[in-house]
Amino acid sequence: MDDGRTQSPFGEVTFWLDRANGLVLGYEYTKADFWREQGTAGDDYTGNGASIRYLHRFGPHVTTSLGYAYTDRDFDGTTTEDYKVHQGNFGYEQSFSQNLSLSLGFGYFIQDNDISDNERGYAYNLSVRRQIKQYTTVTVGGSGGWSEAYLEAERRGFTKYWSANATIEHQIAAPLSCSVGGSYRKDKDDTGRRWKTIRGDVELNYSFLRYFIAALGYRYSKRNDDVDSADYTDNRVMLRLTASKLMRW
């Protein structure tokens, strides 16, 4: 099994040209390194991701978007094929009230491989958010499209997937909140191999000094693979510190 490290600095800027029209520009650079004590590790790679989205507001409650995203992967060795991914997307968001909102998107992607045949498929997402009490919010949704799995116990590479998820968030006090969530996901790689993943999460968040959030979380994952020896159960505890500040100009 490879040890690995991925570094991905990114940035995103939103420009509103007027009250109804805006642009979102994004860029991400990825550098991934792999090693192991015995044997040969998987190929290191670098990658770029760039995106542009046009936003249009139909009044205060409806926003649509039309976008394009580009991703590439350049592997150092010869065992993994370089590729590029082109994806177009349409998005729709609507706020029906202060307590109910909807977000959905639909797109199409092409994986342009250097040698082998290209892969194509649809990408989609749906999310419904409902505030059921003053301090409790429920979100249900699903998504599908393409993904990458290079840092798992087994290197899977480029995969297609679909998933469904649900989350409950509760504000315990002004600086303290908690969330409980679960998801079900199915993946398929380029050889036709399939696997299913069930996941559950619990997280406690504490806000302090205006710009900081400390989070303590637990995650349970269980994978059921076509290959029985690849099944596993994973228990993970995470401590995360986040700093953010909204800048307007």
C-alpha atoms as a PDB file:
ATOM      1  CA  MET A   1       0.000   0.000   0.000  1.00  0.00           C
ATOM      2  CA  ASP A   2       1.337   3.429  -0.957  1.00  0.00           C
ATOM      3  CA  ASP A   3       1.907   6.299   1.412  1.00  0.00           C
ATOM      4  CA  GLY A   4       0.916   9.563  -0.231  1.00  0.00           C
ATOM      5  CA  ARG A   5       0.703  13.311   0.056  1.00  0.00           C
ATOM      6  CA  THR A   6      -1.481  15.665  -2.014  1.00  0.00           C
ATOM      7  CA  GLN A   7      -1.119  19.455  -2.003  1.00  0.00           C
ATOM      8  CA  SER A   8      -3.852  21.503  -3.713  1.00  0.00           C
ATOM      9  CA  PRO A   9      -3.743  25.300  -3.399  1.00  0.00           C
ATOM     10  CA  PHE A  10      -6.762  26.928  -5.038  1.00  0.00           C
ATOM     11  CA  GLY A  11      -8.541  30.232  -5.498  1.00  0.00           C
ATOM     12  CA  GLU A  12     -11.958  31.452  -6.636  1.00  0.00           C
ATOM     13  CA  VAL A  13     -13.199  34.943  -7.437  1.00  0.00           C
ATOM     14  CA  THR A  14     -16.801  36.066  -8.037  1.00  0.00           C
ATOM     15  CA  PHE A  15     -17.511  39.263 -10.009  1.00  0.00           C
ATOM     16  CA  TRP A  16     -20.992  40.764 -10.184  1.00  0.00           C
ATOM     17  CA  LEU A  17     -21.102  42.884 -13.346  1.00  0.00           C
ATOM     18  CA  ASP A  18     -24.484  44.291 -12.303  1.00  0.00           C
ATOM     19  CA  ARG A  19     -27.407  43.169 -10.118  1.00  0.00           C
ATOM     20  CA  ALA A  20     -28.324  40.308 -12.462  1.00  0.00           C
ATOM     21  CA  ASN A  21     -25.118  39.101 -14.146  1.00  0.00           C
ATOM     22  CA  GLY A  22     -21.939  37.695 -12.651  1.00  0.00           C
ATOM     23  CA  LEU A  23     -18.847  35.595 -13.351  1.00  0.00           C
ATOM     24  CA  VAL A  24     -17.050  33.029 -11.187  1.00  0.00           C
ATOM     25  CA  LEU A  25     -13.411  32.208 -12.027  1.00  0.00           C
ATOM     26  CA  GLY A  26     -11.559  29.376 -10.310  1.00  0.00           C
ATOM     27  CA  TYR A  27      -8.144  27.704 -10.448  1.00  0.00           C
ATOM     28  CA  GLU A  28      -6.534  24.813  -8.557  1.00  0.00           C
ATOM     29  CA  TYR A  29      -3.043  23.318  -8.776  1.00  0.00           C
ATOM     30  CA  THR A  30      -2.453  19.766  -7.530  1.00  0.00           C
ATOM     31  CA  LYS A  31       0.808  18.017  -6.709  1.00  0.00           C
ATOM     32  CA  ALA A  32       0.648  14.389  -5.537  1.00  0.00           C
ATOM     33  CA  ASP A  33       3.597  12.269  -4.335  1.00  0.00           C
ATOM     34  CA  PHE A  34       3.551   8.550  -3.487  1.00  0.00           C
ATOM     35  CA  TRP A  35       6.083   6.247  -1.839  1.00  0.00           C
ATOM     36  CA  ARG A  36       6.338   2.901  -0.042  1.00  0.00           C
ATOM     37  CA  GLU A  37       8.940   1.063   2.019  1.00  0.00           C
ATOM     38  CA  GLN A  38       8.949  -1.994  -0.242  1.00  0.00           C
ATOM     39  CA  GLY A  39       8.156  -2.322  -3.928  1.00  0.00           C
ATOM     40  CA  THR A  40       7.320   0.370  -6.459  1.00  0.00           C
ATOM     41  CA  ALA A  41       4.889   3.131  -5.583  1.00  0.00           C
ATOM     42  CA  GLY A  42       2.311   4.565  -7.974  1.00  0.00           C
ATOM     43  CA  ASP A  43       3.255   7.391 -10.310  1.00  0.00           C
ATOM     44  CA  ASP A  44       3.487  10.908  -8.894  1.00  0.00           C
ATOM     45  CA  TYR A  45       1.478  13.508 -10.757  1.00  0.00           C
ATOM     46  CA  THR A  46       0.751  17.200 -11.129  1.00  0.00           C
ATOM     47  CA  GLY A  47      -2.501  18.690 -12.327  1.00  0.00           C
ATOM     48  CA  ASN A  48      -4.395  21.847 -13.110  1.00  0.00           C
ATOM     49  CA  GLY A  49      -8.052  22.686 -12.722  1.00  0.00           C
ATOM     50  CA  ALA A  50      -9.636  25.814 -14.196  1.00  0.00           C
ATOM     51  CA  SER A  51     -13.292  26.797 -14.325  1.00  0.00           C
ATOM     52  CA  ILE A  52     -15.545  29.633 -15.401  1.00  0.00           C
ATOM     53  CA  ARG A  53     -19.257  30.101 -14.656  1.00  0.00           C
ATOM     54  CA  TYR A  54     -21.714  32.726 -15.836  1.00  0.00           C
ATOM     55  CA  LEU A  55     -24.401  33.596 -13.264  1.00  0.00           C
ATOM     56  CA  HIS A  56     -27.781  35.173 -13.937  1.00  0.00           C
ATOM     57  CA  ARG A  57     -30.316  36.208 -11.306  1.00  0.00           C
ATOM     58  CA  PHE A  58     -34.004  36.048 -12.163  1.00  0.00           C
ATOM     59  CA  GLY A  59     -35.095  38.212  -9.263  1.00  0.00           C
ATOM     60  CA  PRO A  60     -34.052  37.781  -5.624  1.00  0.00           C
ATOM     61  CA  HIS A  61     -34.951  34.078  -5.325  1.00  0.00           C
ATOM     62  CA  VAL A  62     -33.722  32.356  -8.522  1.00  0.00           C
ATOM     63  CA  THR A  63     -30.162  32.093  -9.870  1.00  0.00           C
ATOM     64  CA  THR A  64     -29.012  30.085 -12.890  1.00  0.00           C
ATOM     65  CA  SER A  65     -25.481  29.319 -14.054  1.00  0.00           C
ATOM     66  CA  LEU A  66     -23.712  28.045 -17.151  1.00  0.00           C
ATOM     67  CA  GLY A  67     -20.136  26.862 -16.771  1.00  0.00           C
ATOM     68  CA  TYR A  68     -17.118  25.014 -18.130  1.00  0.00           C
ATOM     69  CA  ALA A  69     -14.425  23.190 -16.122  1.00  0.00           C
ATOM     70  CA  TYR A  70     -11.067  21.836 -17.310  1.00  0.00           C
ATOM     71  CA  THR A  71      -8.894  19.334 -15.407  1.00  0.00           C
ATOM     72  CA  ASP A  72      -5.624  17.671 -16.424  1.00  0.00           C
ATOM     73  CA  ARG A  73      -3.325  15.071 -14.871  1.00  0.00           C
ATOM     74  CA  ASP A  74       0.343  14.680 -15.873  1.00  0.00           C
ATOM     75  CA  PHE A  75       1.918  11.516 -14.397  1.00  0.00           C
ATOM     76  CA  ASP A  76       5.691  11.246 -13.959  1.00  0.00           C
ATOM     77  CA  GLY A  77       5.971   7.524 -14.712  1.00  0.00           C
ATOM     78  CA  THR A  78       4.737   5.259 -17.491  1.00  0.00           C
ATOM     79  CA  THR A  79       2.278   3.020 -15.611  1.00  0.00           C
ATOM     80  CA  THR A  80      -0.533   5.606 -15.445  1.00  0.00           C
ATOM     81  CA  GLU A  81      -1.921   7.356 -18.500  1.00  0.00           C
ATOM     82  CA  ASP A  82      -2.131  11.157 -18.696  1.00  0.00           C
ATOM     83  CA  TYR A  83      -5.575  12.591 -19.309  1.00  0.00           C
ATOM     84  CA  LYS A  84      -7.681  15.732 -19.517  1.00  0.00           C
ATOM     85  CA  VAL A  85     -11.323  16.183 -18.479  1.00  0.00           C
ATOM     86  CA  HIS A  86     -13.663  18.711 -20.104  1.00  0.00           C
ATOM     87  CA  GLN A  87     -17.019  19.328 -18.426  1.00  0.00           C
ATOM     88  CA  GLY A  88     -19.923  21.656 -19.150  1.00  0.00           C
ATOM     89  CA  ASN A  89     -22.560  22.408 -16.505  1.00  0.00           C
ATOM     90  CA  PHE A  90     -25.933  24.082 -16.060  1.00  0.00           C
ATOM     91  CA  GLY A  91     -27.061  25.020 -12.546  1.00  0.00           C
ATOM     92  CA  TYR A  92     -30.303  26.229 -10.972  1.00  0.00           C
ATOM     93  CA  GLU A  93     -30.882  27.546  -7.444  1.00  0.00           C
ATOM     94  CA  GLN A  94     -34.159  28.719  -5.932  1.00  0.00           C
ATOM     95  CA  SER A  95     -35.151  29.920  -2.493  1.00  0.00           C
ATOM     96  CA  PHE A  96     -38.860  29.210  -1.957  1.00  0.00           C
ATOM     97  CA  SER A  97     -38.900  30.762   1.513  1.00  0.00           C
ATOM     98  CA  GLN A  98     -36.570  31.453   4.426  1.00  0.00           C
ATOM     99  CA  ASN A  99     -36.940  27.792   5.392  1.00  0.00           C
ATOM    100  CA  LEU A 100     -36.798  25.961   2.043  1.00  0.00           C
ATOM    101  CA  SER A 101     -34.304  26.065  -0.844  1.00  0.00           C
ATOM    102  CA  LEU A 102     -33.384  23.934  -3.855  1.00  0.00           C
ATOM    103  CA  SER A 103     -30.140  23.539  -5.797  1.00  0.00           C
ATOM    104  CA  LEU A 104     -29.646  21.339  -8.852  1.00  0.00           C
ATOM    105  CA  GLY A 105     -27.178  20.947 -11.674  1.00  0.00           C
ATOM    106  CA  PHE A 106     -26.665  18.913 -14.817  1.00  0.00           C
ATOM    107  CA  GLY A 107     -23.622  18.501 -17.039  1.00  0.00           C
ATOM    108  CA  TYR A 108     -21.664  16.312 -19.425  1.00  0.00           C
ATOM    109  CA  PHE A 109     -17.974  15.369 -19.252  1.00  0.00           C
ATOM    110  CA  ILE A 110     -15.370  13.880 -21.585  1.00  0.00           C
ATOM    111  CA  GLN A 111     -12.189  12.250 -20.291  1.00  0.00           C
ATOM    112  CA  ASP A 112      -9.619  12.768 -23.056  1.00  0.00           C
ATOM    113  CA  ASN A 113      -6.993  10.021 -22.596  1.00  0.00           C
ATOM    114  CA  ASP A 114      -3.569  10.224 -24.213  1.00  0.00           C
ATOM    115  CA  ILE A 115      -3.658   6.623 -25.506  1.00  0.00           C
ATOM    116  CA  SER A 116      -6.796   4.653 -24.642  1.00  0.00           C
ATOM    117  CA  ASP A 117     -10.363   5.391 -25.723  1.00  0.00           C
ATOM    118  CA  ASN A 118     -12.036   8.435 -24.229  1.00  0.00           C
ATOM    119  CA  GLU A 119     -14.623   8.117 -21.442  1.00  0.00           C
ATOM    120  CA  ARG A 120     -17.878  10.108 -21.479  1.00  0.00           C
ATOM    121  CA  GLY A 121     -20.715  10.543 -19.046  1.00  0.00           C
ATOM    122  CA  TYR A 122     -23.217  12.771 -17.300  1.00  0.00           C
ATOM    123  CA  ALA A 123     -22.684  14.785 -14.132  1.00  0.00           C
ATOM    124  CA  TYR A 124     -25.540  15.889 -11.918  1.00  0.00           C
ATOM    125  CA  ASN A 125     -26.366  17.067  -8.411  1.00  0.00           C
ATOM    126  CA  LEU A 126     -29.498  17.795  -6.389  1.00  0.00           C
ATOM    127  CA  SER A 127     -29.842  19.279  -2.910  1.00  0.00           C
ATOM    128  CA  VAL A 128     -32.959  20.267  -0.942  1.00  0.00           C
ATOM    129  CA  ARG A 129     -32.449  22.199   2.286  1.00  0.00           C
ATOM    130  CA  ARG A 130     -35.242  22.594   4.846  1.00  0.00           C
ATOM    131  CA  GLN A 131     -35.165  24.410   8.175  1.00  0.00           C
ATOM    132  CA  ILE A 132     -37.659  22.477  10.265  1.00  0.00           C
ATOM    133  CA  LYS A 133     -37.190  24.378  13.515  1.00  0.00           C
ATOM    134  CA  GLN A 134     -35.423  27.580  14.477  1.00  0.00           C
ATOM    135  CA  TYR A 135     -32.138  25.798  15.154  1.00  0.00           C
ATOM    136  CA  THR A 136     -32.411  22.609  13.063  1.00  0.00           C
ATOM    137  CA  THR A 137     -31.821  22.146   9.331  1.00  0.00           C
ATOM    138  CA  VAL A 138     -32.212  19.011   7.198  1.00  0.00           C
ATOM    139  CA  THR A 139     -30.483  18.590   3.819  1.00  0.00           C
ATOM    140  CA  VAL A 140     -31.087  15.678   1.426  1.00  0.00           C
ATOM    141  CA  GLY A 141     -29.624  15.202  -2.022  1.00  0.00           C
ATOM    142  CA  GLY A 142     -27.504  13.232  -4.414  1.00  0.00           C
ATOM    143  CA  SER A 143     -24.841  13.588  -7.077  1.00  0.00           C
ATOM    144  CA  GLY A 144     -23.106  11.705  -9.853  1.00  0.00           C
ATOM    145  CA  GLY A 145     -20.295  12.134 -12.324  1.00  0.00           C
ATOM    146  CA  TRP A 146     -16.580  11.409 -12.220  1.00  0.00           C
ATOM    147  CA  SER A 147     -14.065  11.160  -9.402  1.00  0.00           C
ATOM    148  CA  GLU A 148     -10.457  10.192  -8.680  1.00  0.00           C
ATOM    149  CA  ALA A 149      -9.117   7.625  -6.192  1.00  0.00           C
ATOM    150  CA  TYR A 150      -5.322   7.751  -5.916  1.00  0.00           C
ATOM    151  CA  LEU A 151      -4.916   8.022  -2.129  1.00  0.00           C
ATOM    152  CA  GLU A 152      -6.991   5.002  -1.114  1.00  0.00           C
ATOM    153  CA  ALA A 153      -5.663   1.642   0.092  1.00  0.00           C
ATOM    154  CA  GLU A 154      -5.942   0.469  -3.512  1.00  0.00           C
ATOM    155  CA  ARG A 155      -5.171   2.888  -6.333  1.00  0.00           C
ATOM    156  CA  ARG A 156      -8.330   3.044  -8.492  1.00  0.00           C
ATOM    157  CA  GLY A 157      -7.663   6.142 -10.605  1.00  0.00           C
ATOM    158  CA  PHE A 158     -10.485   7.703 -12.623  1.00  0.00           C
ATOM    159  CA  THR A 159     -13.967   6.443 -11.680  1.00  0.00           C
ATOM    160  CA  LYS A 160     -17.631   7.140 -12.414  1.00  0.00           C
ATOM    161  CA  TYR A 161     -20.052   7.299  -9.492  1.00  0.00           C
ATOM    162  CA  TRP A 162     -23.484   8.198  -8.137  1.00  0.00           C
ATOM    163  CA  SER A 163     -24.433   8.879  -4.516  1.00  0.00           C
ATOM    164  CA  ALA A 164     -27.278   9.854  -2.178  1.00  0.00           C
ATOM    165  CA  ASN A 165     -26.862  11.656   1.141  1.00  0.00           C
ATOM    166  CA  ALA A 166     -28.684  13.280   4.057  1.00  0.00           C
ATOM    167  CA  THR A 167     -27.507  15.610   6.843  1.00  0.00           C
ATOM    168  CA  ILE A 168     -29.106  17.075   9.973  1.00  0.00           C
ATOM    169  CA  GLU A 169     -27.525  20.210  11.485  1.00  0.00           C
ATOM    170  CA  HIS A 170     -28.432  21.672  14.869  1.00  0.00           C
ATOM    171  CA  GLN A 171     -27.321  24.930  16.489  1.00  0.00           C
ATOM    172  CA  ILE A 172     -26.741  24.073  20.158  1.00  0.00           C
ATOM    173  CA  ALA A 173     -25.641  27.575  21.196  1.00  0.00           C
ATOM    174  CA  ALA A 174     -24.384  30.722  19.471  1.00  0.00           C
ATOM    175  CA  PRO A 175     -20.816  29.413  18.899  1.00  0.00           C
ATOM    176  CA  LEU A 176     -21.556  25.672  19.003  1.00  0.00           C
ATOM    177  CA  SER A 177     -23.252  23.414  16.438  1.00  0.00           C
ATOM    178  CA  CYS A 178     -23.377  19.724  15.576  1.00  0.00           C
ATOM    179  CA  SER A 179     -24.243  17.661  12.508  1.00  0.00           C
ATOM    180  CA  VAL A 180     -25.119  14.031  11.760  1.00  0.00           C
ATOM    181  CA  GLY A 181     -25.055  12.648   8.233  1.00  0.00           C
ATOM    182  CA  GLY A 182     -25.038   9.536   6.109  1.00  0.00           C
ATOM    183  CA  SER A 183     -24.453   8.592   2.476  1.00  0.00           C
ATOM    184  CA  TYR A 184     -24.598   5.690   0.031  1.00  0.00           C
ATOM    185  CA  ARG A 185     -22.345   5.642  -3.026  1.00  0.00           C
ATOM    186  CA  LYS A 186     -21.632   3.330  -6.000  1.00  0.00           C
ATOM    187  CA  ASP A 187     -18.445   3.577  -8.094  1.00  0.00           C
ATOM    188  CA  LYS A 188     -17.196   1.923 -11.279  1.00  0.00           C
ATOM    189  CA  ASP A 189     -13.677   2.092 -12.710  1.00  0.00           C
ATOM    190  CA  ASP A 190     -12.542   1.795 -16.330  1.00  0.00           C
ATOM    191  CA  THR A 191     -12.273  -2.025 -16.091  1.00  0.00           C
ATOM    192  CA  GLY A 192     -15.936  -2.369 -15.092  1.00  0.00           C
ATOM    193  CA  ARG A 193     -15.164  -3.205 -11.463  1.00  0.00           C
ATOM    194  CA  ARG A 194     -17.797  -1.846  -9.055  1.00  0.00           C
ATOM    195  CA  TRP A 195     -17.971  -1.121  -5.327  1.00  0.00           C
ATOM    196  CA  LYS A 196     -20.451   0.335  -2.852  1.00  0.00           C
ATOM    197  CA  THR A 197     -19.654   2.574   0.115  1.00  0.00           C
ATOM    198  CA  ILE A 198     -21.875   3.326   3.119  1.00  0.00           C
ATOM    199  CA  ARG A 199     -20.743   6.224   5.303  1.00  0.00           C
ATOM    200  CA  GLY A 200     -21.890   7.887   8.515  1.00  0.00           C
ATOM    201  CA  ASP A 201     -20.550  11.125  10.049  1.00  0.00           C
ATOM    202  CA  VAL A 202     -20.890  12.999  13.342  1.00  0.00           C
ATOM    203  CA  GLU A 203     -19.253  16.409  13.810  1.00  0.00           C
ATOM    204  CA  LEU A 204     -19.104  19.106  16.492  1.00  0.00           C
ATOM    205  CA  ASN A 205     -18.181  22.676  15.410  1.00  0.00           C
ATOM    206  CA  TYR A 206     -17.087  25.579  17.616  1.00  0.00           C
ATOM    207  CA  SER A 207     -16.722  29.141  16.239  1.00  0.00           C
ATOM    208  CA  PHE A 208     -14.315  31.549  17.935  1.00  0.00           C
ATOM    209  CA  LEU A 209     -12.503  34.842  17.314  1.00  0.00           C
ATOM    210  CA  ARG A 210     -14.944  35.627  14.465  1.00  0.00           C
ATOM    211  CA  TYR A 211     -12.937  33.991  11.648  1.00  0.00           C
ATOM    212  CA  PHE A 212     -12.084  30.547  13.069  1.00  0.00           C
ATOM    213  CA  ILE A 213     -13.925  27.228  13.378  1.00  0.00           C
ATOM    214  CA  ALA A 214     -12.633  24.177  15.258  1.00  0.00           C
ATOM    215  CA  ALA A 215     -14.297  20.871  14.345  1.00  0.00           C
ATOM    216  CA  LEU A 216     -14.099  17.434  15.950  1.00  0.00           C
ATOM    217  CA  GLY A 217     -15.602  14.628  13.897  1.00  0.00           C
ATOM    218  CA  TYR A 218     -16.012  10.865  13.636  1.00  0.00           C
ATOM    219  CA  ARG A 219     -16.580   8.967  10.374  1.00  0.00           C
ATOM    220  CA  TYR A 220     -17.561   5.344   9.792  1.00  0.00           C
ATOM    221  CA  SER A 221     -17.180   3.835   6.315  1.00  0.00           C
ATOM    222  CA  LYS A 222     -17.924   0.336   5.028  1.00  0.00           C
ATOM    223  CA  ARG A 223     -17.022  -0.761   1.495  1.00  0.00           C
ATOM    224  CA  ASN A 224     -18.457  -3.738  -0.383  1.00  0.00           C
ATOM    225  CA  ASP A 225     -16.354  -4.521  -3.465  1.00  0.00           C
ATOM    226  CA  ASP A 226     -16.789  -6.903  -6.407  1.00  0.00           C
ATOM    227  CA  VAL A 227     -13.473  -8.352  -5.211  1.00  0.00           C
ATOM    228  CA  ASP A 228     -14.161  -9.737  -1.717  1.00  0.00           C
ATOM    229  CA  SER A 229     -10.573  -9.225  -0.535  1.00  0.00           C
ATOM    230  CA  ALA A 230     -10.962  -5.469  -1.144  1.00  0.00           C
ATOM    231  CA  ASP A 231     -13.873  -5.076   1.310  1.00  0.00           C
ATOM    232  CA  TYR A 232     -13.062  -3.016   4.391  1.00  0.00           C
ATOM    233  CA  THR A 233     -14.436  -1.058   7.350  1.00  0.00           C
ATOM    234  CA  ASP A 234     -12.859   2.266   8.319  1.00  0.00           C
ATOM    235  CA  ASN A 235     -13.225   4.253  11.559  1.00  0.00           C
ATOM    236  CA  ARG A 236     -11.765   7.751  11.538  1.00  0.00           C
ATOM    237  CA  VAL A 237     -11.536  10.607  14.066  1.00  0.00           C
ATOM    238  CA  MET A 238     -10.695  14.054  12.685  1.00  0.00           C
ATOM    239  CA  LEU A 239      -9.737  17.385  14.253  1.00  0.00           C
ATOM    240  CA  ARG A 240      -9.924  20.334  11.858  1.00  0.00           C
ATOM    241  CA  LEU A 241      -9.198  24.062  12.181  1.00  0.00           C
ATOM    242  CA  THR A 242     -10.597  26.439   9.539  1.00  0.00           C
ATOM    243  CA  ALA A 243      -9.962  30.163   9.074  1.00  0.00           C
ATOM    244  CA  SER A 244     -12.001  32.223   6.604  1.00  0.00           C
ATOM    245  CA  LYS A 245     -12.781  35.858   5.883  1.00  0.00           C
ATOM    246  CA  LEU A 246     -15.122  37.324   3.277  1.00  0.00           C
ATOM    247  CA  MET A 247     -13.483  40.156   1.334  1.00  0.00           C
ATOM    248  CA  ARG A 248     -15.534  42.616  -0.712  1.00  0.00           C
ATOM    249  CA  TRP A 249     -14.303  45.299  -3.062  1.00  0.00           C
END
